[in-house]
């Protein structure tokens, strides 16, 4: 869990730093910076999206995962949690929910979150999460200057999300083959690409409702082992 703890602390530190500089940055600079970050997010997503060549698994994961997420209303729940936090934090009205939801999705959906948490749980190697902590810390500074204090609460989402993957990785070790991890990374890459497009206002896709798709390749692998019918 050390890597996840460091990652969450980096987000908190970055958010606090962003709050310090928030009032001293002109709006046009904030807009330009957030667009630059969005382009970087698109690049990260594109690179990760090509991690696997198992297109059928990736496509089915996205479709079924999206249906599951819509049924569970994941993004709606995140939004309502952010709105609830707005009522508890002074000065958070109207901005906290957006910062919390956007930052939580960016920090959790990326391939580094999945692969890093898996490495942490399977081998005790935290280097990927340490690198992610540095990136998330920098991004949280920028996000906080543009979207406000809601970004700091994404540290909780990261801790729960990555911590859960790390703790369950040892149990699922036999199923987390390089092939499965590549497929999960590919799906995650497409989702983080979509987050970048949303940040650029190109699309308005409910990425949060697609989160279950990331873990469906693992279920495909287990099903394929149990039933030859699923061998594709």
Protein backbone atom coordinates (compact mmCIF):
# COMPACT_ATOMS: atom_id res chain seq x y z
CA UNK A 1 0.00 0.00 0.00
CA UNK A 2 3.01 2.31 0.28
CA UNK A 3 2.88 3.38 -3.36
CA UNK A 4 -0.82 4.25 -3.10
CA UNK A 5 -0.27 6.21 0.12
CA UNK A 6 2.52 8.24 -1.50
CA UNK A 7 0.30 8.85 -4.54
CA UNK A 8 -2.60 10.13 -2.42
CA UNK A 9 -0.28 12.39 -0.40
CA UNK A 10 1.18 13.85 -3.62
CA UNK A 11 -2.31 14.80 -4.79
CA UNK A 12 -3.06 16.49 -1.46
CA UNK A 13 0.25 18.38 -1.59
CA UNK A 14 -0.31 19.41 -5.20
CA UNK A 15 -3.85 20.57 -4.46
CA UNK A 16 -2.72 22.66 -1.50
CA UNK A 17 -0.04 24.22 -3.69
CA UNK A 18 -2.64 24.96 -6.35
CA UNK A 19 -4.82 26.73 -3.79
CA UNK A 20 -1.92 29.02 -2.93
CA UNK A 21 -1.45 30.10 -6.54
CA UNK A 22 -5.12 30.03 -7.59
CA UNK A 23 -5.80 33.72 -7.07
CA UNK A 24 -2.62 34.89 -8.74
CA UNK A 25 -3.12 33.33 -12.18
CA UNK A 26 -5.13 35.09 -14.88
CA UNK A 27 -8.10 33.19 -16.30
CA UNK A 28 -6.68 33.04 -19.83
CA UNK A 29 -3.53 31.32 -18.54
CA UNK A 30 -5.60 28.81 -16.57
CA UNK A 31 -7.63 27.98 -19.67
CA UNK A 32 -4.54 27.53 -21.81
CA UNK A 33 -2.84 25.35 -19.20
CA UNK A 34 -5.89 23.11 -18.73
CA UNK A 35 -6.03 22.65 -22.52
CA UNK A 36 -2.35 21.73 -22.54
CA UNK A 37 -2.93 19.17 -19.79
CA UNK A 38 -5.94 17.81 -21.69
CA UNK A 39 -3.77 17.27 -24.77
CA UNK A 40 -1.23 15.44 -22.62
CA UNK A 41 -4.03 13.27 -21.23
CA UNK A 42 -5.13 12.47 -24.80
CA UNK A 43 -1.55 11.45 -25.66
CA UNK A 44 -1.29 9.18 -22.61
CA UNK A 45 -4.61 7.59 -23.50
CA UNK A 46 -3.63 7.00 -27.12
CA UNK A 47 -0.35 5.32 -26.18
CA UNK A 48 -2.06 3.03 -23.68
CA UNK A 49 -4.91 2.20 -26.04
CA UNK A 50 -2.56 0.27 -28.33
CA UNK A 51 -1.27 -1.99 -25.55
CA UNK A 52 -3.38 -4.95 -26.72
CA UNK A 53 -4.31 -6.37 -30.13
CA UNK A 54 -7.29 -8.30 -28.78
CA UNK A 55 -9.79 -5.88 -30.31
CA UNK A 56 -12.84 -8.07 -29.73
CA UNK A 57 -12.14 -8.31 -26.00
CA UNK A 58 -11.56 -4.56 -25.79
CA UNK A 59 -14.75 -3.73 -27.73
CA UNK A 60 -16.95 -6.12 -25.77
CA UNK A 61 -15.44 -4.88 -22.50
CA UNK A 62 -16.29 -1.29 -23.41
CA UNK A 63 -19.85 -2.07 -24.49
CA UNK A 64 -20.77 -4.35 -21.60
CA UNK A 65 -18.85 -2.22 -19.11
CA UNK A 66 -20.71 0.89 -20.26
CA UNK A 67 -24.06 -0.87 -19.80
CA UNK A 68 -23.06 -2.01 -16.32
CA UNK A 69 -21.84 1.47 -15.38
CA UNK A 70 -25.03 3.11 -16.62
CA UNK A 71 -27.07 0.65 -14.57
CA UNK A 72 -24.96 1.42 -11.48
CA UNK A 73 -24.95 5.16 -12.32
CA UNK A 74 -21.31 5.47 -11.25
CA UNK A 75 -20.75 8.98 -12.58
CA UNK A 76 -24.04 10.16 -11.10
CA UNK A 77 -22.99 8.82 -7.71
CA UNK A 78 -19.61 10.57 -8.00
CA UNK A 79 -21.39 13.78 -8.96
CA UNK A 80 -23.76 13.54 -6.01
CA UNK A 81 -20.85 12.84 -3.68
CA UNK A 82 -19.10 15.93 -5.02
CA UNK A 83 -22.25 18.00 -4.54
CA UNK A 84 -22.55 16.71 -0.98
CA UNK A 85 -18.96 17.73 -0.33
CA UNK A 86 -19.82 21.19 -1.65
CA UNK A 87 -22.28 21.64 1.21
CA UNK A 88 -19.61 20.69 3.75
CA UNK A 89 -16.68 22.77 2.47
CA UNK A 90 -16.80 26.59 2.65
CA UNK A 91 -16.32 28.22 -0.75
CA UNK A 92 -16.87 25.00 -2.67
CA UNK A 93 -20.26 25.83 -4.11
CA UNK A 94 -20.56 25.32 -7.84
CA UNK A 95 -16.99 24.13 -8.42
CA UNK A 96 -16.14 21.39 -5.96
CA UNK A 97 -18.12 18.63 -7.67
CA UNK A 98 -16.50 19.26 -11.08
CA UNK A 99 -13.00 19.28 -9.63
CA UNK A 100 -13.61 16.13 -7.59
CA UNK A 101 -15.18 14.13 -10.43
CA UNK A 102 -12.74 15.22 -13.15
CA UNK A 103 -9.62 14.70 -11.03
CA UNK A 104 -10.86 11.36 -9.65
CA UNK A 105 -11.43 10.02 -13.16
CA UNK A 106 -8.10 11.27 -14.52
CA UNK A 107 -6.11 9.87 -11.59
CA UNK A 108 -7.96 6.53 -11.40
CA UNK A 109 -8.65 5.54 -14.99
CA UNK A 110 -5.09 5.72 -16.33
CA UNK A 111 -3.09 2.61 -17.10
CA UNK A 112 -0.45 3.62 -14.56
CA UNK A 113 -3.05 3.36 -11.80
CA UNK A 114 -3.90 -0.21 -12.79
CA UNK A 115 -0.44 -1.50 -13.65
CA UNK A 116 1.20 0.31 -10.74
CA UNK A 117 -1.31 -1.01 -8.22
CA UNK A 118 -0.92 -4.53 -9.63
CA UNK A 119 2.88 -4.36 -9.41
CA UNK A 120 2.61 -3.05 -5.87
CA UNK A 121 0.41 -5.94 -4.80
CA UNK A 122 2.10 -8.73 -6.78
CA UNK A 123 5.79 -7.89 -6.40
CA UNK A 124 6.04 -5.11 -3.81
CA UNK A 125 7.55 -2.84 -6.49
CA UNK A 126 6.17 0.70 -6.01
CA UNK A 127 8.25 2.47 -8.67
CA UNK A 128 5.36 2.92 -11.12
CA UNK A 129 3.14 4.43 -8.44
CA UNK A 130 5.98 6.69 -7.32
CA UNK A 131 6.28 8.00 -10.88
CA UNK A 132 2.50 8.38 -11.05
CA UNK A 133 2.57 10.29 -7.75
CA UNK A 134 4.91 12.88 -9.27
CA UNK A 135 2.69 13.28 -12.35
CA UNK A 136 -0.53 13.42 -10.31
CA UNK A 137 1.01 15.96 -7.95
CA UNK A 138 1.87 18.27 -10.85
CA UNK A 139 -1.52 17.79 -12.51
CA UNK A 140 -3.35 18.42 -9.22
CA UNK A 141 -1.61 21.80 -8.94
CA UNK A 142 -2.91 22.77 -12.36
CA UNK A 143 -6.37 21.29 -11.80
CA UNK A 144 -6.78 23.09 -8.47
CA UNK A 145 -5.90 26.46 -9.97
CA UNK A 146 -8.64 25.97 -12.57
CA UNK A 147 -11.29 23.85 -10.81
CA UNK A 148 -10.83 24.61 -7.13
CA UNK A 149 -10.60 22.69 -3.88
CA UNK A 150 -12.62 19.71 -5.08
CA UNK A 151 -9.46 18.24 -6.59
CA UNK A 152 -7.99 17.52 -3.15
CA UNK A 153 -10.79 15.06 -2.36
CA UNK A 154 -9.79 12.93 -5.35
CA UNK A 155 -6.92 11.69 -3.16
CA UNK A 156 -9.51 9.65 -1.24
CA UNK A 157 -10.84 8.12 -4.46
CA UNK A 158 -7.30 7.24 -5.56
CA UNK A 159 -6.50 5.67 -2.19
CA UNK A 160 -9.63 3.48 -2.25
CA UNK A 161 -9.36 2.57 -5.95
CA UNK A 162 -5.65 1.74 -6.14
CA UNK A 163 -5.62 0.28 -2.64
CA UNK A 164 -8.41 -2.13 -3.56
CA UNK A 165 -6.52 -3.28 -6.67
CA UNK A 166 -3.32 -3.76 -4.68
CA UNK A 167 -5.00 -5.76 -1.93
CA UNK A 168 -6.87 -8.04 -4.34
CA UNK A 169 -3.91 -8.51 -6.71
CA UNK A 170 -2.33 -11.21 -4.56
CA UNK A 171 -5.59 -13.19 -4.59
CA UNK A 172 -5.99 -12.89 -8.38
CA UNK A 173 -2.29 -13.39 -9.16
CA UNK A 174 -2.77 -16.52 -11.25
CA UNK A 175 -5.21 -14.75 -13.59
CA UNK A 176 -3.28 -11.49 -14.09
CA UNK A 177 -1.18 -12.60 -17.04
CA UNK A 178 0.65 -10.09 -19.28
CA UNK A 179 -2.12 -10.61 -21.86
CA UNK A 180 -4.87 -9.68 -19.39
CA UNK A 181 -2.95 -6.68 -18.04
CA UNK A 182 -2.39 -5.45 -21.62
CA UNK A 183 -6.11 -5.71 -22.36
CA UNK A 184 -7.00 -3.85 -19.17
CA UNK A 185 -4.43 -1.19 -20.06
CA UNK A 186 -5.88 -0.82 -23.56
CA UNK A 187 -9.41 -0.31 -22.24
CA UNK A 188 -8.14 2.14 -19.62
CA UNK A 189 -6.23 4.01 -22.32
CA UNK A 190 -9.38 4.54 -24.35
CA UNK A 191 -11.19 5.84 -21.30
CA UNK A 192 -8.45 8.29 -20.38
CA UNK A 193 -8.38 9.43 -24.02
CA UNK A 194 -12.07 10.23 -23.66
CA UNK A 195 -11.40 12.16 -20.46
CA UNK A 196 -8.94 14.34 -22.37
CA UNK A 197 -11.53 14.97 -25.10
CA UNK A 198 -14.10 15.88 -22.44
CA UNK A 199 -11.63 18.32 -20.90
CA UNK A 200 -11.24 19.94 -24.33
CA UNK A 201 -15.06 20.14 -24.61
CA UNK A 202 -14.91 18.01 -27.75
CA UNK A 203 -17.15 15.37 -26.21
CA UNK A 204 -19.42 14.99 -23.19
CA UNK A 205 -19.11 11.25 -22.60
CA UNK A 206 -19.94 9.82 -19.16
CA UNK A 207 -16.57 8.15 -18.68
CA UNK A 208 -17.30 7.27 -15.06
CA UNK A 209 -20.04 4.92 -16.18
CA UNK A 210 -17.51 3.01 -18.29
CA UNK A 211 -15.17 2.18 -15.40
CA UNK A 212 -16.37 -1.46 -15.08
CA UNK A 213 -15.01 -2.05 -18.60
CA UNK A 214 -11.43 -1.91 -17.28
CA UNK A 215 -11.88 -5.07 -15.25
CA UNK A 216 -13.90 -7.12 -17.75
CA UNK A 217 -10.82 -8.54 -19.57
CA UNK A 218 -9.99 -10.31 -16.32
CA UNK A 219 -13.47 -11.85 -16.27
CA UNK A 220 -13.08 -12.88 -19.93
CA UNK A 221 -9.85 -14.66 -19.05
CA UNK A 222 -11.44 -16.52 -16.14
CA UNK A 223 -14.47 -17.45 -18.29
CA UNK A 224 -12.21 -18.63 -21.10
CA UNK A 225 -10.46 -20.97 -18.70
CA UNK A 226 -13.74 -22.34 -17.39
CA UNK A 227 -15.59 -22.53 -20.72
CA UNK A 228 -13.76 -23.12 -24.05
CA UNK A 229 -16.72 -21.37 -25.74
CA UNK A 230 -15.24 -18.02 -24.66
CA UNK A 231 -11.84 -18.66 -26.28
CA UNK A 232 -11.52 -15.61 -28.53
